[in-house]
Amino acid sequence: MTTIAVSYNLPFYFVAIYAYARGIDAIRIPTLLWAVFLSTFLIAMIAEQKWGEYKSKAFDKLLVPYAIFVFVPWIVFARVWSKHPFTTRATPTSSKKD
């Protein structure tokens, strides 16, 4: 599972940083996929730490740092949910001449 996470996430981060910095809307679908993938991966990992074969003795200490990685993807998911997440609406300008 770790190999999949590294082989998918690492290239995505480089592409995403470039796309977010440039405001490229094409990163929308990959970002939605990344958010779902990372959340699913972390939920499975947290469940393994709590109830799995390799239970953690200090689960409470692990939960706090991992919780941010469950919430951040969904914040990003909400941000790019619109069809054009980086496009701003043009505000109507007044054509009055002084």
C-alpha atoms as a PDB file:
ATOM      1  CA  MET A   1       0.000   0.000   0.000  1.00  0.00           C
ATOM      2  CA  THR A   2       2.889   2.363   0.720  1.00  0.00           C
ATOM      3  CA  THR A   3       4.383   1.835  -2.735  1.00  0.00           C
ATOM      4  CA  ILE A   4       1.103   2.880  -4.340  1.00  0.00           C
ATOM      5  CA  ALA A   5       0.906   5.952  -2.140  1.00  0.00           C
ATOM      6  CA  VAL A   6       4.441   7.064  -2.994  1.00  0.00           C
ATOM      7  CA  SER A   7       4.220   6.276  -6.703  1.00  0.00           C
ATOM      8  CA  TYR A   8       0.945   8.198  -7.055  1.00  0.00           C
ATOM      9  CA  ASN A   9       1.319  11.040  -4.569  1.00  0.00           C
ATOM     10  CA  LEU A  10       4.877  12.159  -5.266  1.00  0.00           C
ATOM     11  CA  PRO A  11       4.382  12.896  -8.975  1.00  0.00           C
ATOM     12  CA  PHE A  12       0.991  14.427  -8.207  1.00  0.00           C
ATOM     13  CA  TYR A  13       2.506  16.878  -5.713  1.00  0.00           C
ATOM     14  CA  PHE A  14       4.978  18.231  -8.278  1.00  0.00           C
ATOM     15  CA  VAL A  15       2.301  18.620 -10.949  1.00  0.00           C
ATOM     16  CA  ALA A  16      -0.206  20.051  -8.466  1.00  0.00           C
ATOM     17  CA  ILE A  17       2.201  22.670  -7.120  1.00  0.00           C
ATOM     18  CA  TYR A  18       2.852  23.856 -10.659  1.00  0.00           C
ATOM     19  CA  ALA A  19      -0.855  23.833 -11.585  1.00  0.00           C
ATOM     20  CA  TYR A  20      -1.976  25.588  -8.402  1.00  0.00           C
ATOM     21  CA  ALA A  21       0.716  28.249  -8.771  1.00  0.00           C
ATOM     22  CA  ARG A  22      -0.355  28.898 -12.377  1.00  0.00           C
ATOM     23  CA  GLY A  23      -4.105  28.561 -11.724  1.00  0.00           C
ATOM     24  CA  ILE A  24      -4.571  25.732 -14.210  1.00  0.00           C
ATOM     25  CA  ASP A  25      -8.103  24.321 -13.989  1.00  0.00           C
ATOM     26  CA  ALA A  26      -7.036  20.974 -15.482  1.00  0.00           C
ATOM     27  CA  ILE A  27      -5.707  19.887 -12.070  1.00  0.00           C
ATOM     28  CA  ARG A  28      -9.298  19.675 -10.783  1.00  0.00           C
ATOM     29  CA  ILE A  29     -10.014  15.990 -11.558  1.00  0.00           C
ATOM     30  CA  PRO A  30      -6.594  14.728 -10.388  1.00  0.00           C
ATOM     31  CA  THR A  31      -7.076  16.712  -7.168  1.00  0.00           C
ATOM     32  CA  LEU A  32     -10.490  15.152  -6.561  1.00  0.00           C
ATOM     33  CA  LEU A  33      -8.991  11.690  -7.123  1.00  0.00           C
ATOM     34  CA  TRP A  34      -6.067  12.503  -4.828  1.00  0.00           C
ATOM     35  CA  ALA A  35      -8.389  13.652  -2.029  1.00  0.00           C
ATOM     36  CA  VAL A  36     -10.458  10.476  -2.171  1.00  0.00           C
ATOM     37  CA  PHE A  37      -7.377   8.259  -2.478  1.00  0.00           C
ATOM     38  CA  LEU A  38      -5.514   9.860   0.423  1.00  0.00           C
ATOM     39  CA  SER A  39      -8.545   9.822   2.709  1.00  0.00           C
ATOM     40  CA  THR A  40      -9.294   6.189   1.908  1.00  0.00           C
ATOM     41  CA  PHE A  41      -5.672   5.213   2.411  1.00  0.00           C
ATOM     42  CA  LEU A  42      -5.467   6.994   5.762  1.00  0.00           C
ATOM     43  CA  ILE A  43      -8.753   5.619   7.048  1.00  0.00           C
ATOM     44  CA  ALA A  44      -7.476   2.115   6.284  1.00  0.00           C
ATOM     45  CA  MET A  45      -4.145   2.899   7.939  1.00  0.00           C
ATOM     46  CA  ILE A  46      -5.777   4.363  11.053  1.00  0.00           C
ATOM     47  CA  ALA A  47      -8.106   1.347  11.308  1.00  0.00           C
ATOM     48  CA  GLU A  48      -5.072  -0.953  11.090  1.00  0.00           C
ATOM     49  CA  GLN A  49      -3.373   0.981  13.890  1.00  0.00           C
ATOM     50  CA  LYS A  50      -6.467   0.679  16.088  1.00  0.00           C
ATOM     51  CA  TRP A  51      -7.878  -2.791  15.389  1.00  0.00           C
ATOM     52  CA  GLY A  52      -5.502  -4.559  13.000  1.00  0.00           C
ATOM     53  CA  GLU A  53      -2.885  -7.235  13.370  1.00  0.00           C
ATOM     54  CA  TYR A  54      -0.196  -4.644  14.125  1.00  0.00           C
ATOM     55  CA  LYS A  55      -2.030  -2.521  16.698  1.00  0.00           C
ATOM     56  CA  SER A  56      -0.294   0.559  17.979  1.00  0.00           C
ATOM     57  CA  LYS A  57       0.403   0.788  21.683  1.00  0.00           C
ATOM     58  CA  ALA A  58       0.198   4.581  21.496  1.00  0.00           C
ATOM     59  CA  PHE A  59      -2.817   4.972  19.202  1.00  0.00           C
ATOM     60  CA  ASP A  60      -3.936   8.241  20.817  1.00  0.00           C
ATOM     61  CA  LYS A  61      -0.589   9.836  20.024  1.00  0.00           C
ATOM     62  CA  LEU A  62      -0.798   8.679  16.404  1.00  0.00           C
ATOM     63  CA  LEU A  63      -4.361   9.808  15.834  1.00  0.00           C
ATOM     64  CA  VAL A  64      -3.702  13.525  16.253  1.00  0.00           C
ATOM     65  CA  PRO A  65      -0.952  13.859  13.605  1.00  0.00           C
ATOM     66  CA  TYR A  66      -2.812  11.610  11.145  1.00  0.00           C
ATOM     67  CA  ALA A  67      -6.133  13.422  11.596  1.00  0.00           C
ATOM     68  CA  ILE A  68      -4.873  16.447   9.677  1.00  0.00           C
ATOM     69  CA  PHE A  69      -4.205  14.208   6.683  1.00  0.00           C
ATOM     70  CA  VAL A  70      -7.830  13.088   6.713  1.00  0.00           C
ATOM     71  CA  PHE A  71      -9.281  16.615   6.868  1.00  0.00           C
ATOM     72  CA  VAL A  72      -6.941  18.513   4.512  1.00  0.00           C
ATOM     73  CA  PRO A  73      -7.827  16.430   1.435  1.00  0.00           C
ATOM     74  CA  TRP A  74     -11.519  17.160   1.998  1.00  0.00           C
ATOM     75  CA  ILE A  75     -10.843  20.881   2.386  1.00  0.00           C
ATOM     76  CA  VAL A  76      -8.964  20.788  -0.925  1.00  0.00           C
ATOM     77  CA  PHE A  77     -11.762  18.636  -2.414  1.00  0.00           C
ATOM     78  CA  ALA A  78     -14.310  21.313  -1.492  1.00  0.00           C
ATOM     79  CA  ARG A  79     -12.051  24.028  -2.955  1.00  0.00           C
ATOM     80  CA  VAL A  80     -11.756  22.395  -6.387  1.00  0.00           C
ATOM     81  CA  TRP A  81     -15.302  21.015  -6.575  1.00  0.00           C
ATOM     82  CA  SER A  82     -16.498  23.824  -8.860  1.00  0.00           C
ATOM     83  CA  LYS A  83     -15.958  23.402 -12.585  1.00  0.00           C
ATOM     84  CA  HIS A  84     -13.415  26.238 -12.762  1.00  0.00           C
ATOM     85  CA  PRO A  85     -11.773  26.452  -9.325  1.00  0.00           C
ATOM     86  CA  PHE A  86      -9.093  28.967 -10.325  1.00  0.00           C
ATOM     87  CA  THR A  87     -11.189  31.202 -12.532  1.00  0.00           C
ATOM     88  CA  THR A  88     -12.516  34.326 -10.889  1.00  0.00           C
ATOM     89  CA  ARG A  89     -15.680  35.985 -12.057  1.00  0.00           C
ATOM     90  CA  ALA A  90     -15.225  39.315 -13.721  1.00  0.00           C
ATOM     91  CA  THR A  91     -16.828  42.067 -11.734  1.00  0.00           C
ATOM     92  CA  PRO A  92     -18.973  44.425 -13.758  1.00  0.00           C
ATOM     93  CA  THR A  93     -17.264  47.746 -14.157  1.00  0.00           C
ATOM     94  CA  SER A  94     -19.000  51.013 -14.423  1.00  0.00           C
ATOM     95  CA  SER A  95     -18.651  52.715 -17.814  1.00  0.00           C
ATOM     96  CA  LYS A  96     -19.386  56.146 -16.372  1.00  0.00           C
ATOM     97  CA  LYS A  97     -17.029  58.892 -17.396  1.00  0.00           C
ATOM     98  CA  ASP A  98     -16.246  61.609 -14.931  1.00  0.00           C
END
